[in-house]
All heavy atoms as atom14 arrays in JSON, in Angstrom:
{
  "sequence": "QAKKIAVVVVPASHTMPDMQAYLVDEQRHD",
  "atom14_mask": [
    [1, 1, 1, 1, 1, 1, 1, 1, 1, 0, 0, 0, 0, 0],
    [1, 1, 1, 1, 1, 0, 0, 0, 0, 0, 0, 0, 0, 0],
    [1, 1, 1, 1, 1, 1, 1, 1, 1, 0, 0, 0, 0, 0],
    [1, 1, 1, 1, 1, 1, 1, 1, 1, 0, 0, 0, 0, 0],
    [1, 1, 1, 1, 1, 1, 1, 1, 0, 0, 0, 0, 0, 0],
    [1, 1, 1, 1, 1, 0, 0, 0, 0, 0, 0, 0, 0, 0],
    [1, 1, 1, 1, 1, 1, 1, 0, 0, 0, 0, 0, 0, 0],
    [1, 1, 1, 1, 1, 1, 1, 0, 0, 0, 0, 0, 0, 0],
    [1, 1, 1, 1, 1, 1, 1, 0, 0, 0, 0, 0, 0, 0],
    [1, 1, 1, 1, 1, 1, 1, 0, 0, 0, 0, 0, 0, 0],
    [1, 1, 1, 1, 1, 1, 1, 0, 0, 0, 0, 0, 0, 0],
    [1, 1, 1, 1, 1, 0, 0, 0, 0, 0, 0, 0, 0, 0],
    [1, 1, 1, 1, 1, 1, 0, 0, 0, 0, 0, 0, 0, 0],
    [1, 1, 1, 1, 1, 1, 1, 1, 1, 1, 0, 0, 0, 0],
    [1, 1, 1, 1, 1, 1, 1, 0, 0, 0, 0, 0, 0, 0],
    [1, 1, 1, 1, 1, 1, 1, 1, 0, 0, 0, 0, 0, 0],
    [1, 1, 1, 1, 1, 1, 1, 0, 0, 0, 0, 0, 0, 0],
    [1, 1, 1, 1, 1, 1, 1, 1, 0, 0, 0, 0, 0, 0],
    [1, 1, 1, 1, 1, 1, 1, 1, 0, 0, 0, 0, 0, 0],
    [1, 1, 1, 1, 1, 1, 1, 1, 1, 0, 0, 0, 0, 0],
    [1, 1, 1, 1, 1, 0, 0, 0, 0, 0, 0, 0, 0, 0],
    [1, 1, 1, 1, 1, 1, 1, 1, 1, 1, 1, 1, 0, 0],
    [1, 1, 1, 1, 1, 1, 1, 1, 0, 0, 0, 0, 0, 0],
    [1, 1, 1, 1, 1, 1, 1, 0, 0, 0, 0, 0, 0, 0],
    [1, 1, 1, 1, 1, 1, 1, 1, 0, 0, 0, 0, 0, 0],
    [1, 1, 1, 1, 1, 1, 1, 1, 1, 0, 0, 0, 0, 0],
    [1, 1, 1, 1, 1, 1, 1, 1, 1, 0, 0, 0, 0, 0],
    [1, 1, 1, 1, 1, 1, 1, 1, 1, 1, 1, 0, 0, 0],
    [1, 1, 1, 1, 1, 1, 1, 1, 1, 1, 0, 0, 0, 0],
    [1, 1, 1, 1, 1, 1, 1, 1, 0, 0, 0, 0, 0, 0]
  ],
  "atom14_positions": [
    [[10.1, -4.38, -16.19], [10.91, -5.42, -15.54], [11.6, -4.93, -14.26], [12.34, -5.68, -13.63], [11.96, -5.95, -16.52], [11.38, -6.57, -17.78], [10.49, -7.78, -17.48], [10.75, -8.54, -16.55], [9.43, -7.95, -18.27], [0.0, 0.0, 0.0], [0.0, 0.0, 0.0], [0.0, 0.0, 0.0], [0.0, 0.0, 0.0], [0.0, 0.0, 0.0]],
    [[11.32, -3.7, -13.86], [12.03, -3.13, -12.71], [11.46, -3.62, -11.39], [10.34, -4.13, -11.31], [11.96, -1.61, -12.77], [0.0, 0.0, 0.0], [0.0, 0.0, 0.0], [0.0, 0.0, 0.0], [0.0, 0.0, 0.0], [0.0, 0.0, 0.0], [0.0, 0.0, 0.0], [0.0, 0.0, 0.0], [0.0, 0.0, 0.0], [0.0, 0.0, 0.0]],
    [[12.26, -3.42, -10.35], [11.77, -3.61, -8.99], [10.74, -2.53, -8.71], [10.95, -1.35, -9.04], [12.94, -3.47, -8.02], [12.64, -3.91, -6.6], [12.94, -5.37, -6.41], [12.94, -5.75, -4.94], [13.02, -7.22, -4.77], [0.0, 0.0, 0.0], [0.0, 0.0, 0.0], [0.0, 0.0, 0.0], [0.0, 0.0, 0.0], [0.0, 0.0, 0.0]],
    [[9.62, -2.93, -8.11], [8.53, -1.98, -7.86], [8.21, -2.02, -6.37], [7.63, -2.98, -5.87], [7.3, -2.35, -8.69], [7.58, -2.43, -10.19], [6.41, -3.0, -10.95], [6.78, -3.25, -12.41], [7.72, -4.39, -12.58], [0.0, 0.0, 0.0], [0.0, 0.0, 0.0], [0.0, 0.0, 0.0], [0.0, 0.0, 0.0], [0.0, 0.0, 0.0]],
    [[8.61, -0.95, -5.71], [8.48, -0.89, -4.26], [7.74, 0.39, -3.87], [7.99, 1.46, -4.43], [9.86, -0.94, -3.57], [10.45, -2.35, -3.68], [9.79, -0.5, -2.12], [11.85, -2.46, -3.11], [0.0, 0.0, 0.0], [0.0, 0.0, 0.0], [0.0, 0.0, 0.0], [0.0, 0.0, 0.0], [0.0, 0.0, 0.0], [0.0, 0.0, 0.0]],
    [[6.85, 0.27, -2.91], [6.23, 1.42, -2.25], [6.34, 1.18, -0.75], [6.66, 0.08, -0.3], [4.78, 1.58, -2.68], [0.0, 0.0, 0.0], [0.0, 0.0, 0.0], [0.0, 0.0, 0.0], [0.0, 0.0, 0.0], [0.0, 0.0, 0.0], [0.0, 0.0, 0.0], [0.0, 0.0, 0.0], [0.0, 0.0, 0.0], [0.0, 0.0, 0.0]],
    [[6.08, 2.22, 0.03], [6.25, 2.13, 1.48], [4.99, 2.65, 2.17], [4.53, 3.76, 1.88], [7.47, 2.96, 1.95], [7.65, 2.85, 3.46], [8.74, 2.49, 1.22], [0.0, 0.0, 0.0], [0.0, 0.0, 0.0], [0.0, 0.0, 0.0], [0.0, 0.0, 0.0], [0.0, 0.0, 0.0], [0.0, 0.0, 0.0], [0.0, 0.0, 0.0]],
    [[4.43, 1.84, 3.06], [3.34, 2.28, 3.92], [3.97, 2.98, 5.12], [4.8, 2.4, 5.82], [2.46, 1.12, 4.4], [1.36, 1.62, 5.34], [1.84, 0.4, 3.2], [0.0, 0.0, 0.0], [0.0, 0.0, 0.0], [0.0, 0.0, 0.0], [0.0, 0.0, 0.0], [0.0, 0.0, 0.0], [0.0, 0.0, 0.0], [0.0, 0.0, 0.0]],
    [[3.59, 4.22, 5.35], [4.16, 5.01, 6.44], [3.09, 5.24, 7.5], [2.01, 5.78, 7.21], [4.69, 6.37, 5.94], [5.31, 7.16, 7.09], [5.7, 6.16, 4.82], [0.0, 0.0, 0.0], [0.0, 0.0, 0.0], [0.0, 0.0, 0.0], [0.0, 0.0, 0.0], [0.0, 0.0, 0.0], [0.0, 0.0, 0.0], [0.0, 0.0, 0.0]],
    [[3.39, 4.82, 8.73], [2.48, 4.97, 9.85], [3.15, 5.9, 10.86], [4.28, 5.65, 11.29], [2.16, 3.61, 10.51], [1.21, 3.8, 11.69], [1.57, 2.65, 9.49], [0.0, 0.0, 0.0], [0.0, 0.0, 0.0], [0.0, 0.0, 0.0], [0.0, 0.0, 0.0], [0.0, 0.0, 0.0], [0.0, 0.0, 0.0], [0.0, 0.0, 0.0]],
    [[2.5, 6.99, 11.25], [3.12, 7.92, 12.2], [3.55, 7.23, 13.49], [2.94, 6.24, 13.94], [2.01, 8.94, 12.47], [1.15, 8.89, 11.25], [1.17, 7.46, 10.79], [0.0, 0.0, 0.0], [0.0, 0.0, 0.0], [0.0, 0.0, 0.0], [0.0, 0.0, 0.0], [0.0, 0.0, 0.0], [0.0, 0.0, 0.0], [0.0, 0.0, 0.0]],
    [[4.59, 7.77, 14.08], [5.17, 7.17, 15.29], [4.15, 7.05, 16.41], [4.23, 6.12, 17.23], [6.36, 7.99, 15.76], [0.0, 0.0, 0.0], [0.0, 0.0, 0.0], [0.0, 0.0, 0.0], [0.0, 0.0, 0.0], [0.0, 0.0, 0.0], [0.0, 0.0, 0.0], [0.0, 0.0, 0.0], [0.0, 0.0, 0.0], [0.0, 0.0, 0.0]],
    [[3.18, 7.94, 16.44], [2.2, 7.95, 17.53], [1.1, 6.91, 17.34], [0.27, 6.71, 18.23], [1.56, 9.33, 17.65], [0.95, 9.7, 16.42], [0.0, 0.0, 0.0], [0.0, 0.0, 0.0], [0.0, 0.0, 0.0], [0.0, 0.0, 0.0], [0.0, 0.0, 0.0], [0.0, 0.0, 0.0], [0.0, 0.0, 0.0], [0.0, 0.0, 0.0]],
    [[1.06, 6.24, 16.19], [0.0, 5.28, 15.89], [0.45, 3.85, 16.18], [1.64, 3.54, 16.12], [-0.39, 5.36, 14.41], [-1.15, 6.59, 14.04], [-0.77, 7.86, 14.43], [-2.27, 6.76, 13.29], [-1.62, 8.75, 13.94], [-2.54, 8.1, 13.24], [0.0, 0.0, 0.0], [0.0, 0.0, 0.0], [0.0, 0.0, 0.0], [0.0, 0.0, 0.0]],
    [[-0.5, 3.0, 16.45], [-0.23, 1.56, 16.46], [-0.29, 1.06, 15.03], [-0.98, 1.62, 14.18], [-1.26, 0.8, 17.32], [-2.57, 1.08, 16.82], [-1.17, 1.23, 18.78], [0.0, 0.0, 0.0], [0.0, 0.0, 0.0], [0.0, 0.0, 0.0], [0.0, 0.0, 0.0], [0.0, 0.0, 0.0], [0.0, 0.0, 0.0], [0.0, 0.0, 0.0]],
    [[0.44, 0.0, 14.75], [0.48, -0.52, 13.39], [-0.86, -1.16, 13.06], [-1.3, -2.1, 13.73], [1.6, -1.53, 13.22], [2.91, -0.88, 12.82], [3.64, 0.13, 14.13], [4.33, -1.15, 15.15], [0.0, 0.0, 0.0], [0.0, 0.0, 0.0], [0.0, 0.0, 0.0], [0.0, 0.0, 0.0], [0.0, 0.0, 0.0], [0.0, 0.0, 0.0]],
    [[-1.55, -0.68, 12.02], [-2.87, -1.22, 11.67], [-2.75, -2.51, 10.87], [-1.74, -2.78, 10.23], [-3.48, -0.1, 10.81], [-2.28, 0.52, 10.15], [-1.16, 0.45, 11.15], [0.0, 0.0, 0.0], [0.0, 0.0, 0.0], [0.0, 0.0, 0.0], [0.0, 0.0, 0.0], [0.0, 0.0, 0.0], [0.0, 0.0, 0.0], [0.0, 0.0, 0.0]],
    [[-3.8, -3.32, 10.94], [-3.91, -4.48, 10.06], [-4.55, -4.01, 8.76], [-5.62, -3.39, 8.78], [-4.76, -5.57, 10.7], [-4.09, -6.16, 11.94], [-2.85, -6.27, 11.93], [-4.8, -6.47, 12.91], [0.0, 0.0, 0.0], [0.0, 0.0, 0.0], [0.0, 0.0, 0.0], [0.0, 0.0, 0.0], [0.0, 0.0, 0.0], [0.0, 0.0, 0.0]],
    [[-3.94, -4.28, 7.65], [-4.5, -3.83, 6.38], [-3.98, -4.69, 5.25], [-2.95, -5.36, 5.36], [-4.17, -2.35, 6.13], [-2.71, -2.03, 6.0], [-2.42, -0.27, 5.65], [-2.92, 0.45, 7.21], [0.0, 0.0, 0.0], [0.0, 0.0, 0.0], [0.0, 0.0, 0.0], [0.0, 0.0, 0.0], [0.0, 0.0, 0.0], [0.0, 0.0, 0.0]],
    [[-4.71, -4.68, 4.16], [-4.3, -5.31, 2.92], [-3.92, -4.23, 1.92], [-4.44, -3.11, 1.97], [-5.46, -6.14, 2.34], [-5.78, -7.41, 3.12], [-5.03, -8.61, 2.58], [-4.44, -8.55, 1.5], [-5.04, -9.7, 3.32], [0.0, 0.0, 0.0], [0.0, 0.0, 0.0], [0.0, 0.0, 0.0], [0.0, 0.0, 0.0], [0.0, 0.0, 0.0]],
    [[-3.02, -4.56, 1.03], [-2.65, -3.66, -0.06], [-3.02, -4.3, -1.38], [-2.94, -5.53, -1.53], [-1.15, -3.37, -0.02], [0.0, 0.0, 0.0], [0.0, 0.0, 0.0], [0.0, 0.0, 0.0], [0.0, 0.0, 0.0], [0.0, 0.0, 0.0], [0.0, 0.0, 0.0], [0.0, 0.0, 0.0], [0.0, 0.0, 0.0], [0.0, 0.0, 0.0]],
    [[-3.45, -3.47, -2.32], [-3.91, -3.96, -3.62], [-3.33, -3.08, -4.72], [-3.29, -1.85, -4.6], [-5.44, -3.91, -3.71], [-6.17, -4.63, -2.61], [-6.51, -3.94, -1.44], [-6.51, -5.96, -2.72], [-7.18, -4.57, -0.4], [-7.19, -6.61, -1.7], [-7.53, -5.92, -0.55], [-8.2, -6.55, 0.46], [0.0, 0.0, 0.0], [0.0, 0.0, 0.0]],
    [[-2.92, -3.7, -5.82], [-2.58, -2.98, -7.04], [-3.75, -3.15, -8.0], [-4.09, -4.28, -8.38], [-1.31, -3.53, -7.66], [-0.85, -2.83, -8.94], [-0.36, -1.42, -8.65], [0.26, -3.62, -9.64], [0.0, 0.0, 0.0], [0.0, 0.0, 0.0], [0.0, 0.0, 0.0], [0.0, 0.0, 0.0], [0.0, 0.0, 0.0], [0.0, 0.0, 0.0]],
    [[-4.39, -2.05, -8.37], [-5.57, -2.1, -9.22], [-5.35, -1.21, -10.44], [-4.51, -0.31, -10.43], [-6.84, -1.65, -8.47], [-7.1, -2.54, -7.25], [-6.73, -0.18, -8.03], [0.0, 0.0, 0.0], [0.0, 0.0, 0.0], [0.0, 0.0, 0.0], [0.0, 0.0, 0.0], [0.0, 0.0, 0.0], [0.0, 0.0, 0.0], [0.0, 0.0, 0.0]],
    [[-6.11, -1.5, -11.51], [-6.04, -0.62, -12.66], [-6.61, 0.76, -12.3], [-7.28, 0.91, -11.28], [-6.77, -1.22, -13.87], [-8.25, -1.34, -13.63], [-8.66, -2.29, -12.91], [-9.0, -0.48, -14.11], [0.0, 0.0, 0.0], [0.0, 0.0, 0.0], [0.0, 0.0, 0.0], [0.0, 0.0, 0.0], [0.0, 0.0, 0.0], [0.0, 0.0, 0.0]],
    [[-6.36, 1.74, -13.14], [-6.7, 3.13, -12.8], [-8.16, 3.3, -12.43], [-8.51, 4.07, -11.54], [-6.34, 4.05, -13.96], [-6.56, 5.53, -13.67], [-6.12, 6.43, -14.79], [-5.71, 5.92, -15.85], [-6.16, 7.66, -14.6], [0.0, 0.0, 0.0], [0.0, 0.0, 0.0], [0.0, 0.0, 0.0], [0.0, 0.0, 0.0], [0.0, 0.0, 0.0]],
    [[-9.06, 2.55, -13.11], [-10.49, 2.67, -12.83], [-10.94, 1.77, -11.69], [-12.13, 1.71, -11.36], [-11.31, 2.34, -14.08], [-11.29, 3.43, -15.16], [-9.96, 3.52, -15.87], [-9.32, 2.5, -16.12], [-9.52, 4.73, -16.18], [0.0, 0.0, 0.0], [0.0, 0.0, 0.0], [0.0, 0.0, 0.0], [0.0, 0.0, 0.0], [0.0, 0.0, 0.0]],
    [[-9.98, 1.02, -11.1], [-10.23, 0.13, -9.95], [-11.17, -1.02, -10.31], [-11.93, -1.5, -9.48], [-10.8, 0.91, -8.76], [-10.01, 2.16, -8.4], [-10.51, 2.8, -7.14], [-10.21, 4.22, -7.11], [-10.44, 5.02, -6.08], [-11.01, 4.55, -4.99], [-10.15, 6.3, -6.12], [0.0, 0.0, 0.0], [0.0, 0.0, 0.0], [0.0, 0.0, 0.0]],
    [[-11.08, -1.5, -11.54], [-11.92, -2.62, -11.94], [-11.25, -3.96, -11.66], [-11.92, -4.93, -11.28], [-12.24, -2.53, -13.44], [-13.12, -1.35, -13.77], [-13.09, -0.73, -15.02], [-14.01, -0.67, -13.04], [-13.96, 0.27, -15.03], [-14.51, 0.33, -13.83], [0.0, 0.0, 0.0], [0.0, 0.0, 0.0], [0.0, 0.0, 0.0], [0.0, 0.0, 0.0]],
    [[-9.95, -4.04, -11.89], [-9.23, -5.3, -11.77], [-8.11, -5.18, -10.75], [-7.42, -4.17, -10.68], [-8.63, -5.71, -13.12], [-9.71, -5.93, -14.17], [-10.73, -6.57, -13.84], [-9.52, -5.46, -15.31], [0.0, 0.0, 0.0], [0.0, 0.0, 0.0], [0.0, 0.0, 0.0], [0.0, 0.0, 0.0], [0.0, 0.0, 0.0], [0.0, 0.0, 0.0]]
  ]
}
């Protein structure tokens, strides 16, 4: 029931990329 947060870190020298994030099961099936 906790808050679940992660952070995408992009180096200062990079432009911000377009990307999707996914939460998948360990075997990456679902």
